[in-house]
Amino acid sequence: MEQIQNAVLAAFEEFKKEFGENAKLEEGDEFVTVFNNCTLIISIEDGTLRERFIGGKPYRVDMSLAIYEGGANE
């Protein structure tokens, strides 16, 4: 259980590097952290912090979606 807590803390350290020390998740927010052998999805749902680990490596697809890039649909 301690290893899971450490993984969540490490994920939040990366989140704060990206968004600032005082950054906080709000309702509906989520972020993903990729570890060597699993992926962690952290979100806020109904005011509760949720952590979901998915074992294995994520599939990689060489594709960009315009909705996340601010560009036109291709």
PDB file of N, CA and C in Angstrom:
ATOM      1  N   MET A   1       0.815  -1.191   0.000  1.00  0.00           N
ATOM      2  CA  MET A   1       0.000   0.000   0.000  1.00  0.00           C
ATOM      3  C   MET A   1       0.867   1.265   0.000  1.00  0.00           C
ATOM      4  N   GLU A   2       2.008   1.191   0.682  1.00  0.00           N
ATOM      5  CA  GLU A   2       2.911   2.339   0.725  1.00  0.00           C
ATOM      6  C   GLU A   2       3.427   2.685  -0.674  1.00  0.00           C
ATOM      7  N   GLN A   3       3.682   1.664  -1.482  1.00  0.00           N
ATOM      8  CA  GLN A   3       4.171   1.901  -2.837  1.00  0.00           C
ATOM      9  C   GLN A   3       3.121   2.644  -3.667  1.00  0.00           C
ATOM     10  N   ILE A   4       1.863   2.313  -3.485  1.00  0.00           N
ATOM     11  CA  ILE A   4       0.786   3.005  -4.206  1.00  0.00           C
ATOM     12  C   ILE A   4       0.721   4.462  -3.771  1.00  0.00           C
ATOM     13  N   GLN A   5       0.803   4.717  -2.476  1.00  0.00           N
ATOM     14  CA  GLN A   5       0.801   6.094  -1.980  1.00  0.00           C
ATOM     15  C   GLN A   5       1.979   6.878  -2.538  1.00  0.00           C
ATOM     16  N   ASN A   6       3.146   6.256  -2.589  1.00  0.00           N
ATOM     17  CA  ASN A   6       4.326   6.919  -3.147  1.00  0.00           C
ATOM     18  C   ASN A   6       4.146   7.216  -4.631  1.00  0.00           C
ATOM     19  N   ALA A   7       3.500   6.312  -5.354  1.00  0.00           N
ATOM     20  CA  ALA A   7       3.242   6.535  -6.781  1.00  0.00           C
ATOM     21  C   ALA A   7       2.301   7.713  -6.977  1.00  0.00           C
ATOM     22  N   VAL A   8       1.270   7.802  -6.161  1.00  0.00           N
ATOM     23  CA  VAL A   8       0.322   8.923  -6.254  1.00  0.00           C
ATOM     24  C   VAL A   8       1.036  10.233  -5.922  1.00  0.00           C
ATOM     25  N   LEU A   9       1.859  10.232  -4.890  1.00  0.00           N
ATOM     26  CA  LEU A   9       2.628  11.433  -4.542  1.00  0.00           C
ATOM     27  C   LEU A   9       3.561  11.839  -5.674  1.00  0.00           C
ATOM     28  N   ALA A  10       4.215  10.867  -6.299  1.00  0.00           N
ATOM     29  CA  ALA A  10       5.107  11.157  -7.429  1.00  0.00           C
ATOM     30  C   ALA A  10       4.319  11.749  -8.594  1.00  0.00           C
ATOM     31  N   ALA A  11       3.119  11.239  -8.827  1.00  0.00           N
ATOM     32  CA  ALA A  11       2.276  11.772  -9.901  1.00  0.00           C
ATOM     33  C   ALA A  11       1.918  13.229  -9.617  1.00  0.00           C
ATOM     34  N   PHE A  12       1.563  13.537  -8.371  1.00  0.00           N
ATOM     35  CA  PHE A  12       1.226  14.916  -8.019  1.00  0.00           C
ATOM     36  C   PHE A  12       2.439  15.834  -8.095  1.00  0.00           C
ATOM     37  N   GLU A  13       3.627  15.323  -7.814  1.00  0.00           N
ATOM     38  CA  GLU A  13       4.841  16.127  -7.981  1.00  0.00           C
ATOM     39  C   GLU A  13       4.990  16.560  -9.434  1.00  0.00           C
ATOM     40  N   GLU A  14       4.755  15.635 -10.364  1.00  0.00           N
ATOM     41  CA  GLU A  14       4.833  15.968 -11.793  1.00  0.00           C
ATOM     42  C   GLU A  14       3.729  16.951 -12.184  1.00  0.00           C
ATOM     43  N   PHE A  15       2.531  16.760 -11.655  1.00  0.00           N
ATOM     44  CA  PHE A  15       1.407  17.664 -11.907  1.00  0.00           C
ATOM     45  C   PHE A  15       1.768  19.085 -11.473  1.00  0.00           C
ATOM     46  N   LYS A  16       2.368  19.213 -10.292  1.00  0.00           N
ATOM     47  CA  LYS A  16       2.722  20.536  -9.781  1.00  0.00           C
ATOM     48  C   LYS A  16       3.879  21.165 -10.555  1.00  0.00           C
ATOM     49  N   LYS A  17       4.781  20.355 -11.090  1.00  0.00           N
ATOM     50  CA  LYS A  17       5.837  20.885 -11.962  1.00  0.00           C
ATOM     51  C   LYS A  17       5.219  21.536 -13.190  1.00  0.00           C
ATOM     52  N   GLU A  18       4.179  20.917 -13.710  1.00  0.00           N
ATOM     53  CA  GLU A  18       3.515  21.404 -14.924  1.00  0.00           C
ATOM     54  C   GLU A  18       2.632  22.624 -14.648  1.00  0.00           C
ATOM     55  N   PHE A  19       1.886  22.596 -13.549  1.00  0.00           N
ATOM     56  CA  PHE A  19       0.852  23.611 -13.319  1.00  0.00           C
ATOM     57  C   PHE A  19       1.114  24.534 -12.136  1.00  0.00           C
ATOM     58  N   GLY A  20       2.213  24.317 -11.410  1.00  0.00           N
ATOM     59  CA  GLY A  20       2.550  25.191 -10.288  1.00  0.00           C
ATOM     60  C   GLY A  20       2.285  24.541  -8.942  1.00  0.00           C
ATOM     61  N   GLU A  21       3.039  24.980  -7.943  1.00  0.00           N
ATOM     62  CA  GLU A  21       2.959  24.394  -6.598  1.00  0.00           C
ATOM     63  C   GLU A  21       1.572  24.484  -5.988  1.00  0.00           C
ATOM     64  N   ASN A  22       0.837  25.545  -6.293  1.00  0.00           N
ATOM     65  CA  ASN A  22      -0.481  25.742  -5.684  1.00  0.00           C
ATOM     66  C   ASN A  22      -1.615  25.171  -6.520  1.00  0.00           C
ATOM     67  N   ALA A  23      -1.296  24.483  -7.605  1.00  0.00           N
ATOM     68  CA  ALA A  23      -2.333  23.928  -8.485  1.00  0.00           C
ATOM     69  C   ALA A  23      -3.123  22.858  -7.750  1.00  0.00           C
ATOM     70  N   LYS A  24      -4.423  22.877  -7.982  1.00  0.00           N
ATOM     71  CA  LYS A  24      -5.306  21.883  -7.368  1.00  0.00           C
ATOM     72  C   LYS A  24      -6.259  21.356  -8.427  1.00  0.00           C
ATOM     73  N   LEU A  25      -6.650  20.120  -8.269  1.00  0.00           N
ATOM     74  CA  LEU A  25      -7.657  19.544  -9.154  1.00  0.00           C
ATOM     75  C   LEU A  25      -9.034  20.028  -8.720  1.00  0.00           C
ATOM     76  N   GLU A  26      -9.888  20.276  -9.709  1.00  0.00           N
ATOM     77  CA  GLU A  26     -11.268  20.648  -9.440  1.00  0.00           C
ATOM     78  C   GLU A  26     -12.178  19.559  -9.979  1.00  0.00           C
ATOM     79  N   GLU A  27     -13.428  19.625  -9.613  1.00  0.00           N
ATOM     80  CA  GLU A  27     -14.416  18.639 -10.040  1.00  0.00           C
ATOM     81  C   GLU A  27     -14.328  18.399 -11.547  1.00  0.00           C
ATOM     82  N   GLY A  28     -14.198  17.145 -11.935  1.00  0.00           N
ATOM     83  CA  GLY A  28     -14.132  16.772 -13.345  1.00  0.00           C
ATOM     84  C   GLY A  28     -12.731  16.765 -13.935  1.00  0.00           C
ATOM     85  N   ASP A  29     -11.754  17.339 -13.230  1.00  0.00           N
ATOM     86  CA  ASP A  29     -10.370  17.336 -13.716  1.00  0.00           C
ATOM     87  C   ASP A  29      -9.782  15.939 -13.593  1.00  0.00           C
ATOM     88  N   GLU A  30      -8.841  15.650 -14.473  1.00  0.00           N
ATOM     89  CA  GLU A  30      -8.109  14.395 -14.381  1.00  0.00           C
ATOM     90  C   GLU A  30      -6.771  14.541 -15.082  1.00  0.00           C
ATOM     91  N   PHE A  31      -5.818  13.705 -14.686  1.00  0.00           N
ATOM     92  CA  PHE A  31      -4.542  13.648 -15.386  1.00  0.00           C
ATOM     93  C   PHE A  31      -4.010  12.227 -15.327  1.00  0.00           C
ATOM     94  N   VAL A  32      -3.088  11.952 -16.236  1.00  0.00           N
ATOM     95  CA  VAL A  32      -2.554  10.599 -16.403  1.00  0.00           C
ATOM     96  C   VAL A  32      -1.047  10.635 -16.182  1.00  0.00           C
ATOM     97  N   THR A  33      -0.546   9.627 -15.481  1.00  0.00           N
ATOM     98  CA  THR A  33       0.889   9.463 -15.279  1.00  0.00           C
ATOM     99  C   THR A  33       1.276   8.067 -15.757  1.00  0.00           C
ATOM    100  N   VAL A  34       2.323   7.999 -16.577  1.00  0.00           N
ATOM    101  CA  VAL A  34       2.787   6.716 -17.098  1.00  0.00           C
ATOM    102  C   VAL A  34       4.025   6.295 -16.312  1.00  0.00           C
ATOM    103  N   PHE A  35       3.943   5.145 -15.664  1.00  0.00           N
ATOM    104  CA  PHE A  35       5.069   4.553 -14.956  1.00  0.00           C
ATOM    105  C   PHE A  35       5.692   3.477 -15.851  1.00  0.00           C
ATOM    106  N   ASN A  36       6.734   2.835 -15.392  1.00  0.00           N
ATOM    107  CA  ASN A  36       7.410   1.819 -16.202  1.00  0.00           C
ATOM    108  C   ASN A  36       6.515   0.635 -16.550  1.00  0.00           C
ATOM    109  N   ASN A  37       5.641   0.246 -15.638  1.00  0.00           N
ATOM    110  CA  ASN A  37       4.840  -0.955 -15.878  1.00  0.00           C
ATOM    111  C   ASN A  37       3.340  -0.764 -15.648  1.00  0.00           C
ATOM    112  N   CYS A  38       2.914   0.492 -15.542  1.00  0.00           N
ATOM    113  CA  CYS A  38       1.484   0.763 -15.382  1.00  0.00           C
ATOM    114  C   CYS A  38       1.196   2.227 -15.681  1.00  0.00           C
ATOM    115  N   THR A  39      -0.076   2.536 -15.756  1.00  0.00           N
ATOM    116  CA  THR A  39      -0.546   3.896 -15.969  1.00  0.00           C
ATOM    117  C   THR A  39      -1.482   4.243 -14.822  1.00  0.00           C
ATOM    118  N   LEU A  40      -1.402   5.477 -14.343  1.00  0.00           N
ATOM    119  CA  LEU A  40      -2.245   5.944 -13.252  1.00  0.00           C
ATOM    120  C   LEU A  40      -3.108   7.091 -13.751  1.00  0.00           C
ATOM    121  N   ILE A  41      -4.408   6.993 -13.534  1.00  0.00           N
ATOM    122  CA  ILE A  41      -5.334   8.076 -13.850  1.00  0.00           C
ATOM    123  C   ILE A  41      -5.833   8.629 -12.521  1.00  0.00           C
ATOM    124  N   ILE A  42      -5.628   9.923 -12.312  1.00  0.00           N
ATOM    125  CA  ILE A  42      -6.087  10.590 -11.100  1.00  0.00           C
ATOM    126  C   ILE A  42      -7.173  11.570 -11.500  1.00  0.00           C
ATOM    127  N   SER A  43      -8.272  11.569 -10.762  1.00  0.00           N
ATOM    128  CA  SER A  43      -9.387  12.463 -11.080  1.00  0.00           C
ATOM    129  C   SER A  43     -10.107  12.877  -9.807  1.00  0.00           C
ATOM    130  N   ILE A  44     -10.958  13.888  -9.956  1.00  0.00           N
ATOM    131  CA  ILE A  44     -11.870  14.296  -8.893  1.00  0.00           C
ATOM    132  C   ILE A  44     -13.278  14.030  -9.399  1.00  0.00           C
ATOM    133  N   GLU A  45     -13.996  13.166  -8.699  1.00  0.00           N
ATOM    134  CA  GLU A  45     -15.374  12.820  -9.055  1.00  0.00           C
ATOM    135  C   GLU A  45     -16.240  12.939  -7.811  1.00  0.00           C
ATOM    136  N   ASP A  46     -17.290  13.730  -7.903  1.00  0.00           N
ATOM    137  CA  ASP A  46     -18.191  13.944  -6.761  1.00  0.00           C
ATOM    138  C   ASP A  46     -17.424  14.391  -5.520  1.00  0.00           C
ATOM    139  N   GLY A  47     -16.419  15.253  -5.733  1.00  0.00           N
ATOM    140  CA  GLY A  47     -15.640  15.788  -4.629  1.00  0.00           C
ATOM    141  C   GLY A  47     -14.648  14.824  -4.007  1.00  0.00           C
ATOM    142  N   THR A  48     -14.465  13.659  -4.629  1.00  0.00           N
ATOM    143  CA  THR A  48     -13.574  12.629  -4.087  1.00  0.00           C
ATOM    144  C   THR A  48     -12.403  12.383  -5.033  1.00  0.00           C
ATOM    145  N   LEU A  49     -11.206  12.304  -4.463  1.00  0.00           N
ATOM    146  CA  LEU A  49     -10.026  11.966  -5.252  1.00  0.00           C
ATOM    147  C   LEU A  49     -10.094  10.497  -5.637  1.00  0.00           C
ATOM    148  N   ARG A  50      -9.953  10.220  -6.922  1.00  0.00           N
ATOM    149  CA  ARG A  50      -9.991   8.842  -7.424  1.00  0.00           C
ATOM    150  C   ARG A  50      -8.648   8.525  -8.070  1.00  0.00           C
ATOM    151  N   GLU A  51      -8.157   7.323  -7.797  1.00  0.00           N
ATOM    152  CA  GLU A  51      -6.915   6.840  -8.400  1.00  0.00           C
ATOM    153  C   GLU A  51      -7.215   5.510  -9.066  1.00  0.00           C
ATOM    154  N   ARG A  52      -6.827   5.393 -10.324  1.00  0.00           N
ATOM    155  CA  ARG A  52      -7.052   4.136 -11.050  1.00  0.00           C
ATOM    156  C   ARG A  52      -5.752   3.726 -11.726  1.00  0.00           C
ATOM    157  N   PHE A  53      -5.230   2.591 -11.313  1.00  0.00           N
ATOM    158  CA  PHE A  53      -4.028   2.037 -11.920  1.00  0.00           C
ATOM    159  C   PHE A  53      -4.429   1.026 -12.985  1.00  0.00           C
ATOM    160  N   ILE A  54      -3.749   1.068 -14.121  1.00  0.00           N
ATOM    161  CA  ILE A  54      -3.950   0.094 -15.192  1.00  0.00           C
ATOM    162  C   ILE A  54      -2.586  -0.528 -15.469  1.00  0.00           C
ATOM    163  N   GLY A  55      -2.469  -1.836 -15.266  1.00  0.00           N
ATOM    164  CA  GLY A  55      -1.203  -2.534 -15.450  1.00  0.00           C
ATOM    165  C   GLY A  55      -0.813  -2.663 -16.907  1.00  0.00           C
ATOM    166  N   GLY A  56       0.473  -2.767 -17.151  1.00  0.00           N
ATOM    167  CA  GLY A  56       0.994  -2.908 -18.508  1.00  0.00           C
ATOM    168  C   GLY A  56       1.329  -1.559 -19.107  1.00  0.00           C
ATOM    169  N   LYS A  57       1.864  -1.608 -20.303  1.00  0.00           N
ATOM    170  CA  LYS A  57       2.229  -0.384 -21.011  1.00  0.00           C
ATOM    171  C   LYS A  57       1.068   0.070 -21.880  1.00  0.00           C
ATOM    172  N   PRO A  58       0.867   1.395 -21.985  1.00  0.00           N
ATOM    173  CA  PRO A  58      -0.201   1.876 -22.864  1.00  0.00           C
ATOM    174  C   PRO A  58       0.194   1.686 -24.329  1.00  0.00           C
ATOM    175  N   TYR A  59      -0.795   1.514 -25.167  1.00  0.00           N
ATOM    176  CA  TYR A  59      -0.540   1.460 -26.604  1.00  0.00           C
ATOM    177  C   TYR A  59      -0.186   2.856 -27.078  1.00  0.00           C
ATOM    178  N   ARG A  60       0.728   2.958 -27.991  1.00  0.00           N
ATOM    179  CA  ARG A  60       1.131   4.244 -28.566  1.00  0.00           C
ATOM    180  C   ARG A  60       0.618   4.309 -29.996  1.00  0.00           C
ATOM    181  N   VAL A  61      -0.065   5.384 -30.319  1.00  0.00           N
ATOM    182  CA  VAL A  61      -0.582   5.601 -31.665  1.00  0.00           C
ATOM    183  C   VAL A  61      -0.036   6.940 -32.144  1.00  0.00           C
ATOM    184  N   ASP A  62       0.604   6.961 -33.300  1.00  0.00           N
ATOM    185  CA  ASP A  62       1.175   8.178 -33.863  1.00  0.00           C
ATOM    186  C   ASP A  62       0.053   8.979 -34.524  1.00  0.00           C
ATOM    187  N   MET A  63      -0.668   9.733 -33.708  1.00  0.00           N
ATOM    188  CA  MET A  63      -1.826  10.474 -34.192  1.00  0.00           C
ATOM    189  C   MET A  63      -2.089  11.628 -33.224  1.00  0.00           C
ATOM    190  N   SER A  64      -2.470  12.781 -33.749  1.00  0.00           N
ATOM    191  CA  SER A  64      -2.847  13.921 -32.918  1.00  0.00           C
ATOM    192  C   SER A  64      -4.314  14.231 -33.154  1.00  0.00           C
ATOM    193  N   LEU A  65      -5.017  14.536 -32.086  1.00  0.00           N
ATOM    194  CA  LEU A  65      -6.422  14.906 -32.192  1.00  0.00           C
ATOM    195  C   LEU A  65      -6.535  16.422 -32.098  1.00  0.00           C
ATOM    196  N   ALA A  66      -7.202  17.028 -33.060  1.00  0.00           N
ATOM    197  CA  ALA A  66      -7.300  18.480 -33.151  1.00  0.00           C
ATOM    198  C   ALA A  66      -7.909  19.102 -31.896  1.00  0.00           C
ATOM    199  N   ILE A  67      -8.836  18.424 -31.267  1.00  0.00           N
ATOM    200  CA  ILE A  67      -9.493  18.979 -30.085  1.00  0.00           C
ATOM    201  C   ILE A  67      -8.489  19.288 -28.972  1.00  0.00           C
ATOM    202  N   TYR A  68      -7.369  18.574 -28.947  1.00  0.00           N
ATOM    203  CA  TYR A  68      -6.358  18.802 -27.922  1.00  0.00           C
ATOM    204  C   TYR A  68      -5.183  19.630 -28.421  1.00  0.00           C
ATOM    205  N   GLU A  69      -5.140  19.904 -29.693  1.00  0.00           N
ATOM    206  CA  GLU A  69      -4.036  20.665 -30.275  1.00  0.00           C
ATOM    207  C   GLU A  69      -4.454  22.075 -30.659  1.00  0.00           C
ATOM    208  N   GLY A  70      -5.746  22.345 -30.684  1.00  0.00           N
ATOM    209  CA  GLY A  70      -6.219  23.663 -31.074  1.00  0.00           C
ATOM    210  C   GLY A  70      -6.217  23.878 -32.574  1.00  0.00           C
ATOM    211  N   GLY A  71      -5.988  22.816 -33.360  1.00  0.00           N
ATOM    212  CA  GLY A  71      -5.963  22.928 -34.817  1.00  0.00           C
ATOM    213  C   GLY A  71      -7.256  22.476 -35.442  1.00  0.00           C
ATOM    214  N   ALA A  72      -7.276  22.485 -36.746  1.00  0.00           N
ATOM    215  CA  ALA A  72      -8.458  22.055 -37.492  1.00  0.00           C
ATOM    216  C   ALA A  72      -8.525  20.533 -37.534  1.00  0.00           C
ATOM    217  N   ASN A  73      -9.718  20.017 -37.704  1.00  0.00           N
ATOM    218  CA  ASN A  73      -9.887  18.568 -37.847  1.00  0.00           C
ATOM    219  C   ASN A  73      -9.232  18.093 -39.123  1.00  0.00           C
ATOM    220  N   GLU A  74      -8.621  16.931 -39.042  1.00  0.00           N
ATOM    221  CA  GLU A  74      -7.976  16.376 -40.239  1.00  0.00           C
ATOM    222  C   GLU A  74      -8.713  15.161 -40.711  1.00  0.00           C
TER     223      GLU A  74
END
